[in-house]
Amino acid sequence: MAKTMKYKLIYKKTTPKALYDLYMNAKKHTMIAGSPVTISSKENTKFSAHHGYISGTNLKLIKDKLIVQTWRAQGWDASEPDSIFMILLEPKGKDVVLHAVHANVPDKHAVGIDKGWFDHYWNPWKQHLAGKPTTRPTM
């Protein structure tokens, strides 16, 4: 079986471009994630994060608005298909609502993946955008 995780987060006093760049710019993504990231802003290109622990392909990219990727973690069984990860950035005045969906995550990995999104992405993004030191657990 597989799980679908949905997130709706509000990032105060920022822009869709700032959030898009935190994910799609390799240097910024590496800084936030706290480990090496290889990513391109082109569709149909591979990406990897956390020393290759996460990998996938950019399926659809609309600059500053939409990111759709295949996504899998190194520890997944070969028989488990890639998941699909999507971020949609919605401007709301001076804030941005981040809608994310992570679908087809194997049940046995869902709790860890969900925690990882908060520990390595959602919370560090908020800290960074607020000008605070970025904290995250080590992998």
N, C-alpha and C. Protein backbone atom coordinates (compact mmCIF):
# COMPACT_ATOMS: atom_id res chain seq x y z
N MET A 1 0.84 -1.19 0.00
CA MET A 1 0.00 0.00 0.00
C MET A 1 0.88 1.25 0.00
N ALA A 2 0.25 2.37 -0.33
CA ALA A 2 0.99 3.62 -0.39
C ALA A 2 0.14 4.74 0.22
N LYS A 3 0.82 5.74 0.71
CA LYS A 3 0.16 6.88 1.35
C LYS A 3 0.33 8.13 0.49
N THR A 4 -0.61 9.06 0.68
CA THR A 4 -0.50 10.39 0.09
C THR A 4 -0.48 11.39 1.24
N MET A 5 0.54 12.22 1.26
CA MET A 5 0.66 13.24 2.29
C MET A 5 0.40 14.60 1.65
N LYS A 6 -0.39 15.42 2.34
CA LYS A 6 -0.72 16.75 1.83
C LYS A 6 -0.29 17.79 2.85
N TYR A 7 0.27 18.87 2.34
CA TYR A 7 0.75 19.96 3.20
C TYR A 7 0.20 21.28 2.68
N LYS A 8 -0.16 22.14 3.61
CA LYS A 8 -0.54 23.51 3.29
C LYS A 8 0.12 24.38 4.34
N LEU A 9 1.14 25.12 3.91
CA LEU A 9 1.92 25.93 4.83
C LEU A 9 1.93 27.38 4.36
N ILE A 10 1.88 28.29 5.29
CA ILE A 10 1.93 29.71 4.96
C ILE A 10 3.32 30.23 5.32
N TYR A 11 3.95 30.85 4.33
CA TYR A 11 5.25 31.49 4.55
C TYR A 11 5.03 32.99 4.48
N LYS A 12 5.33 33.65 5.59
CA LYS A 12 5.06 35.08 5.74
C LYS A 12 6.12 35.94 5.06
N LYS A 13 5.66 37.04 4.51
CA LYS A 13 6.52 38.08 3.95
C LYS A 13 7.59 37.50 3.02
N THR A 14 7.13 36.78 2.02
CA THR A 14 8.05 36.22 1.03
C THR A 14 7.35 36.19 -0.32
N THR A 15 8.03 35.64 -1.30
CA THR A 15 7.49 35.57 -2.65
C THR A 15 7.55 34.14 -3.16
N PRO A 16 6.71 33.82 -4.15
CA PRO A 16 6.83 32.50 -4.77
C PRO A 16 8.23 32.25 -5.32
N LYS A 17 8.85 33.29 -5.88
CA LYS A 17 10.21 33.14 -6.42
C LYS A 17 11.20 32.71 -5.34
N ALA A 18 11.11 33.32 -4.16
CA ALA A 18 12.03 32.97 -3.07
C ALA A 18 11.89 31.50 -2.68
N LEU A 19 10.65 31.02 -2.58
CA LEU A 19 10.43 29.62 -2.21
C LEU A 19 10.84 28.67 -3.34
N TYR A 20 10.48 29.03 -4.56
CA TYR A 20 10.86 28.20 -5.71
C TYR A 20 12.38 28.04 -5.77
N ASP A 21 13.09 29.16 -5.57
CA ASP A 21 14.56 29.12 -5.61
C ASP A 21 15.15 28.28 -4.48
N LEU A 22 14.52 28.28 -3.30
CA LEU A 22 15.04 27.45 -2.21
C LEU A 22 15.03 25.97 -2.58
N TYR A 23 14.13 25.58 -3.44
CA TYR A 23 14.05 24.18 -3.85
C TYR A 23 14.80 23.91 -5.16
N MET A 24 14.67 24.79 -6.13
CA MET A 24 15.18 24.50 -7.47
C MET A 24 16.61 25.01 -7.72
N ASN A 25 17.13 25.87 -6.88
CA ASN A 25 18.51 26.34 -7.01
C ASN A 25 19.40 25.42 -6.17
N ALA A 26 20.32 24.72 -6.82
CA ALA A 26 21.14 23.71 -6.13
C ALA A 26 21.89 24.29 -4.94
N LYS A 27 22.45 25.48 -5.08
CA LYS A 27 23.22 26.08 -3.99
C LYS A 27 22.32 26.39 -2.79
N LYS A 28 21.17 26.99 -3.05
CA LYS A 28 20.24 27.33 -1.97
C LYS A 28 19.63 26.06 -1.35
N HIS A 29 19.28 25.10 -2.19
CA HIS A 29 18.71 23.84 -1.71
C HIS A 29 19.71 23.14 -0.80
N THR A 30 20.98 23.11 -1.21
CA THR A 30 22.04 22.50 -0.40
C THR A 30 22.16 23.19 0.95
N MET A 31 22.12 24.53 0.93
CA MET A 31 22.24 25.30 2.17
C MET A 31 21.09 24.96 3.13
N ILE A 32 19.88 24.91 2.61
CA ILE A 32 18.71 24.65 3.45
C ILE A 32 18.68 23.20 3.91
N ALA A 33 18.93 22.27 2.98
CA ALA A 33 18.84 20.84 3.32
C ALA A 33 20.00 20.40 4.21
N GLY A 34 21.12 21.10 4.14
CA GLY A 34 22.27 20.76 4.98
C GLY A 34 23.11 19.63 4.43
N SER A 35 22.88 19.27 3.18
CA SER A 35 23.71 18.25 2.52
C SER A 35 23.63 18.47 1.01
N PRO A 36 24.55 17.86 0.27
CA PRO A 36 24.64 18.14 -1.17
C PRO A 36 23.36 17.82 -1.96
N VAL A 37 23.04 18.74 -2.87
CA VAL A 37 21.89 18.59 -3.75
C VAL A 37 22.35 18.87 -5.18
N THR A 38 21.92 18.03 -6.09
CA THR A 38 22.11 18.26 -7.52
C THR A 38 20.73 18.39 -8.11
N ILE A 39 20.43 19.55 -8.71
CA ILE A 39 19.11 19.77 -9.29
C ILE A 39 19.24 20.79 -10.41
N SER A 40 18.39 20.67 -11.40
CA SER A 40 18.39 21.57 -12.54
C SER A 40 17.01 22.19 -12.65
N SER A 41 16.93 23.35 -13.26
CA SER A 41 15.64 24.01 -13.46
C SER A 41 15.02 23.60 -14.80
N LYS A 42 15.48 22.49 -15.35
CA LYS A 42 14.94 21.99 -16.61
C LYS A 42 14.10 20.74 -16.39
N GLU A 43 13.03 20.63 -17.16
CA GLU A 43 12.18 19.44 -17.09
C GLU A 43 12.92 18.22 -17.64
N ASN A 44 12.52 17.07 -17.18
CA ASN A 44 13.09 15.78 -17.61
C ASN A 44 14.56 15.62 -17.26
N THR A 45 15.00 16.30 -16.19
CA THR A 45 16.37 16.12 -15.70
C THR A 45 16.31 15.47 -14.33
N LYS A 46 17.35 14.73 -14.01
CA LYS A 46 17.43 14.01 -12.73
C LYS A 46 17.85 14.99 -11.62
N PHE A 47 17.49 14.64 -10.39
CA PHE A 47 17.97 15.38 -9.23
C PHE A 47 18.32 14.38 -8.15
N SER A 48 19.14 14.82 -7.20
CA SER A 48 19.43 14.01 -6.02
C SER A 48 19.70 14.94 -4.85
N ALA A 49 19.41 14.44 -3.65
CA ALA A 49 19.61 15.23 -2.43
C ALA A 49 20.08 14.32 -1.31
N HIS A 50 20.67 14.92 -0.32
CA HIS A 50 21.11 14.19 0.88
C HIS A 50 22.05 13.04 0.52
N HIS A 51 23.13 13.41 -0.20
CA HIS A 51 24.15 12.42 -0.59
C HIS A 51 23.56 11.28 -1.41
N GLY A 52 22.55 11.58 -2.24
CA GLY A 52 21.93 10.57 -3.09
C GLY A 52 20.86 9.75 -2.41
N TYR A 53 20.56 10.05 -1.15
CA TYR A 53 19.51 9.32 -0.44
C TYR A 53 18.16 9.50 -1.13
N ILE A 54 17.93 10.70 -1.68
CA ILE A 54 16.71 11.01 -2.42
C ILE A 54 17.09 11.23 -3.87
N SER A 55 16.30 10.69 -4.80
CA SER A 55 16.55 10.92 -6.22
C SER A 55 15.23 10.92 -6.97
N GLY A 56 15.28 11.47 -8.18
CA GLY A 56 14.08 11.50 -9.00
C GLY A 56 14.32 12.31 -10.26
N THR A 57 13.22 12.69 -10.88
CA THR A 57 13.25 13.43 -12.14
C THR A 57 12.26 14.58 -12.08
N ASN A 58 12.67 15.74 -12.59
CA ASN A 58 11.75 16.88 -12.73
C ASN A 58 10.80 16.58 -13.89
N LEU A 59 9.52 16.44 -13.60
CA LEU A 59 8.54 16.15 -14.65
C LEU A 59 7.96 17.41 -15.27
N LYS A 60 7.54 18.34 -14.41
CA LYS A 60 6.91 19.58 -14.87
C LYS A 60 7.36 20.71 -13.99
N LEU A 61 7.84 21.80 -14.59
CA LEU A 61 8.28 22.98 -13.85
C LEU A 61 7.67 24.22 -14.47
N ILE A 62 7.01 25.02 -13.65
CA ILE A 62 6.56 26.34 -14.06
C ILE A 62 7.22 27.30 -13.09
N LYS A 63 8.16 28.08 -13.61
CA LYS A 63 9.01 28.94 -12.78
C LYS A 63 8.19 29.73 -11.77
N ASP A 64 8.63 29.65 -10.52
CA ASP A 64 8.05 30.39 -9.40
C ASP A 64 6.61 29.98 -9.07
N LYS A 65 6.15 28.83 -9.59
CA LYS A 65 4.76 28.44 -9.36
C LYS A 65 4.58 26.95 -9.08
N LEU A 66 5.19 26.07 -9.89
CA LEU A 66 4.88 24.65 -9.81
C LEU A 66 6.12 23.78 -10.00
N ILE A 67 6.24 22.75 -9.16
CA ILE A 67 7.30 21.75 -9.26
C ILE A 67 6.62 20.38 -9.16
N VAL A 68 6.84 19.53 -10.15
CA VAL A 68 6.32 18.16 -10.10
C VAL A 68 7.50 17.23 -10.41
N GLN A 69 7.71 16.25 -9.52
CA GLN A 69 8.85 15.34 -9.66
C GLN A 69 8.45 13.90 -9.36
N THR A 70 9.19 12.97 -9.98
CA THR A 70 9.21 11.63 -9.44
C THR A 70 10.17 11.71 -8.27
N TRP A 71 10.02 10.82 -7.29
CA TRP A 71 10.79 10.96 -6.05
C TRP A 71 10.87 9.59 -5.40
N ARG A 72 12.06 9.22 -4.98
CA ARG A 72 12.21 7.97 -4.22
C ARG A 72 13.40 8.09 -3.28
N ALA A 73 13.35 7.29 -2.23
CA ALA A 73 14.44 7.26 -1.26
C ALA A 73 15.25 5.99 -1.48
N GLN A 74 16.51 6.08 -1.13
CA GLN A 74 17.45 4.99 -1.34
C GLN A 74 17.01 3.68 -0.69
N GLY A 75 16.36 3.74 0.45
CA GLY A 75 16.00 2.54 1.18
C GLY A 75 14.74 1.84 0.68
N TRP A 76 14.11 2.37 -0.36
CA TRP A 76 12.90 1.74 -0.86
C TRP A 76 13.23 0.46 -1.61
N ASP A 77 12.35 -0.51 -1.50
CA ASP A 77 12.53 -1.76 -2.25
C ASP A 77 12.46 -1.47 -3.74
N ALA A 78 13.22 -2.22 -4.52
CA ALA A 78 13.23 -2.05 -5.97
C ALA A 78 11.83 -2.24 -6.56
N SER A 79 11.01 -3.06 -5.92
CA SER A 79 9.65 -3.32 -6.42
C SER A 79 8.69 -2.16 -6.14
N GLU A 80 9.09 -1.21 -5.28
CA GLU A 80 8.23 -0.08 -4.96
C GLU A 80 8.41 1.01 -6.02
N PRO A 81 7.32 1.45 -6.64
CA PRO A 81 7.45 2.48 -7.68
C PRO A 81 7.83 3.83 -7.08
N ASP A 82 8.34 4.70 -7.94
CA ASP A 82 8.64 6.06 -7.51
C ASP A 82 7.35 6.73 -7.04
N SER A 83 7.51 7.65 -6.10
CA SER A 83 6.38 8.48 -5.68
C SER A 83 6.35 9.71 -6.57
N ILE A 84 5.30 10.49 -6.42
CA ILE A 84 5.18 11.77 -7.12
C ILE A 84 5.11 12.86 -6.06
N PHE A 85 5.94 13.89 -6.26
CA PHE A 85 5.97 15.02 -5.33
C PHE A 85 5.64 16.29 -6.11
N MET A 86 4.77 17.11 -5.53
CA MET A 86 4.35 18.33 -6.19
C MET A 86 4.31 19.49 -5.20
N ILE A 87 4.81 20.63 -5.63
CA ILE A 87 4.69 21.89 -4.88
C ILE A 87 3.99 22.89 -5.78
N LEU A 88 2.95 23.54 -5.24
CA LEU A 88 2.28 24.65 -5.91
C LEU A 88 2.40 25.86 -5.00
N LEU A 89 2.88 26.97 -5.53
CA LEU A 89 3.09 28.19 -4.75
C LEU A 89 2.00 29.20 -5.11
N GLU A 90 1.24 29.59 -4.09
CA GLU A 90 0.11 30.50 -4.28
C GLU A 90 0.36 31.81 -3.53
N PRO A 91 0.56 32.93 -4.28
CA PRO A 91 0.75 34.21 -3.59
C PRO A 91 -0.54 34.66 -2.92
N LYS A 92 -0.40 35.17 -1.68
CA LYS A 92 -1.54 35.70 -0.92
C LYS A 92 -1.09 36.99 -0.25
N GLY A 93 -1.27 38.11 -0.93
CA GLY A 93 -0.78 39.38 -0.40
C GLY A 93 0.73 39.35 -0.28
N LYS A 94 1.24 39.59 0.92
CA LYS A 94 2.70 39.57 1.15
C LYS A 94 3.19 38.19 1.56
N ASP A 95 2.31 37.21 1.57
CA ASP A 95 2.66 35.85 1.99
C ASP A 95 2.53 34.89 0.80
N VAL A 96 2.97 33.66 1.02
CA VAL A 96 2.83 32.60 0.02
C VAL A 96 2.27 31.37 0.72
N VAL A 97 1.25 30.78 0.11
CA VAL A 97 0.74 29.50 0.59
C VAL A 97 1.41 28.42 -0.25
N LEU A 98 2.11 27.52 0.43
CA LEU A 98 2.75 26.39 -0.23
C LEU A 98 1.81 25.19 -0.08
N HIS A 99 1.38 24.69 -1.22
CA HIS A 99 0.59 23.46 -1.26
C HIS A 99 1.53 22.38 -1.76
N ALA A 100 1.69 21.31 -1.01
CA ALA A 100 2.54 20.21 -1.45
C ALA A 100 1.76 18.91 -1.29
N VAL A 101 1.96 18.02 -2.25
CA VAL A 101 1.37 16.69 -2.20
C VAL A 101 2.49 15.70 -2.50
N HIS A 102 2.62 14.71 -1.66
CA HIS A 102 3.59 13.64 -1.88
C HIS A 102 2.79 12.34 -1.94
N ALA A 103 2.59 11.83 -3.15
CA ALA A 103 1.72 10.69 -3.38
C ALA A 103 2.51 9.42 -3.67
N ASN A 104 1.91 8.30 -3.33
CA ASN A 104 2.47 6.97 -3.59
C ASN A 104 3.72 6.70 -2.76
N VAL A 105 3.73 7.17 -1.52
CA VAL A 105 4.83 6.89 -0.59
C VAL A 105 4.54 5.54 0.07
N PRO A 106 5.48 4.60 -0.01
CA PRO A 106 5.24 3.30 0.63
C PRO A 106 4.89 3.47 2.11
N ASP A 107 3.86 2.76 2.55
CA ASP A 107 3.37 2.87 3.92
C ASP A 107 4.50 2.82 4.95
N LYS A 108 5.40 1.87 4.81
CA LYS A 108 6.43 1.67 5.83
C LYS A 108 7.43 2.83 5.91
N HIS A 109 7.42 3.73 4.91
CA HIS A 109 8.34 4.87 4.92
C HIS A 109 7.63 6.20 5.17
N ALA A 110 6.30 6.20 5.20
CA ALA A 110 5.53 7.44 5.24
C ALA A 110 5.82 8.30 6.47
N VAL A 111 5.91 7.71 7.65
CA VAL A 111 6.14 8.50 8.86
C VAL A 111 7.50 9.20 8.79
N GLY A 112 8.52 8.49 8.37
CA GLY A 112 9.86 9.07 8.27
C GLY A 112 9.95 10.15 7.20
N ILE A 113 9.29 9.93 6.07
CA ILE A 113 9.29 10.92 4.99
C ILE A 113 8.57 12.18 5.45
N ASP A 114 7.42 12.01 6.09
CA ASP A 114 6.66 13.15 6.59
C ASP A 114 7.51 13.97 7.57
N LYS A 115 8.15 13.30 8.50
CA LYS A 115 9.03 13.99 9.46
C LYS A 115 10.17 14.69 8.74
N GLY A 116 10.71 14.04 7.72
CA GLY A 116 11.81 14.62 6.95
C GLY A 116 11.43 15.92 6.25
N TRP A 117 10.20 15.98 5.73
CA TRP A 117 9.78 17.23 5.08
C TRP A 117 9.82 18.39 6.07
N PHE A 118 9.34 18.16 7.28
CA PHE A 118 9.36 19.23 8.28
C PHE A 118 10.77 19.51 8.79
N ASP A 119 11.55 18.48 9.07
CA ASP A 119 12.88 18.66 9.63
C ASP A 119 13.89 19.27 8.66
N HIS A 120 13.78 18.93 7.38
CA HIS A 120 14.80 19.34 6.41
C HIS A 120 14.32 20.37 5.40
N TYR A 121 13.03 20.65 5.37
CA TYR A 121 12.51 21.61 4.39
C TYR A 121 11.58 22.63 5.02
N TRP A 122 10.36 22.26 5.38
CA TRP A 122 9.36 23.25 5.78
C TRP A 122 9.84 24.13 6.94
N ASN A 123 10.35 23.55 8.03
CA ASN A 123 10.81 24.36 9.16
C ASN A 123 12.08 25.14 8.85
N PRO A 124 13.12 24.54 8.24
CA PRO A 124 14.29 25.34 7.87
C PRO A 124 13.97 26.48 6.91
N TRP A 125 13.02 26.29 6.00
CA TRP A 125 12.63 27.38 5.11
C TRP A 125 12.10 28.55 5.93
N LYS A 126 11.22 28.25 6.89
CA LYS A 126 10.66 29.33 7.72
C LYS A 126 11.77 30.05 8.50
N GLN A 127 12.71 29.29 9.06
CA GLN A 127 13.82 29.89 9.79
C GLN A 127 14.65 30.78 8.87
N HIS A 128 15.00 30.27 7.72
CA HIS A 128 15.83 31.01 6.77
C HIS A 128 15.14 32.31 6.34
N LEU A 129 13.86 32.22 5.99
CA LEU A 129 13.14 33.40 5.52
C LEU A 129 12.95 34.43 6.62
N ALA A 130 12.96 34.00 7.88
CA ALA A 130 12.84 34.91 9.02
C ALA A 130 14.21 35.46 9.44
N GLY A 131 15.28 35.06 8.72
CA GLY A 131 16.62 35.54 9.05
C GLY A 131 17.23 34.87 10.26
N LYS A 132 16.69 33.71 10.62
CA LYS A 132 17.20 32.98 11.79
C LYS A 132 18.15 31.87 11.34
N PRO A 133 19.00 31.39 12.25
CA PRO A 133 19.87 30.25 11.90
C PRO A 133 19.01 29.03 11.54
N THR A 134 19.44 28.31 10.53
CA THR A 134 18.72 27.11 10.09
C THR A 134 19.16 25.93 10.93
N THR A 135 18.19 25.27 11.54
CA THR A 135 18.49 24.09 12.35
C THR A 135 17.76 22.89 11.77
N ARG A 136 18.43 21.76 11.81
CA ARG A 136 17.82 20.52 11.34
C ARG A 136 18.61 19.37 11.93
N PRO A 137 17.97 18.20 12.07
CA PRO A 137 18.72 17.04 12.54
C PRO A 137 19.68 16.58 11.45
N THR A 138 20.71 15.87 11.83
CA THR A 138 21.62 15.31 10.83
C THR A 138 21.01 14.03 10.28
N MET A 139 21.41 13.72 9.06
CA MET A 139 20.89 12.49 8.44
C MET A 139 21.84 11.36 8.69
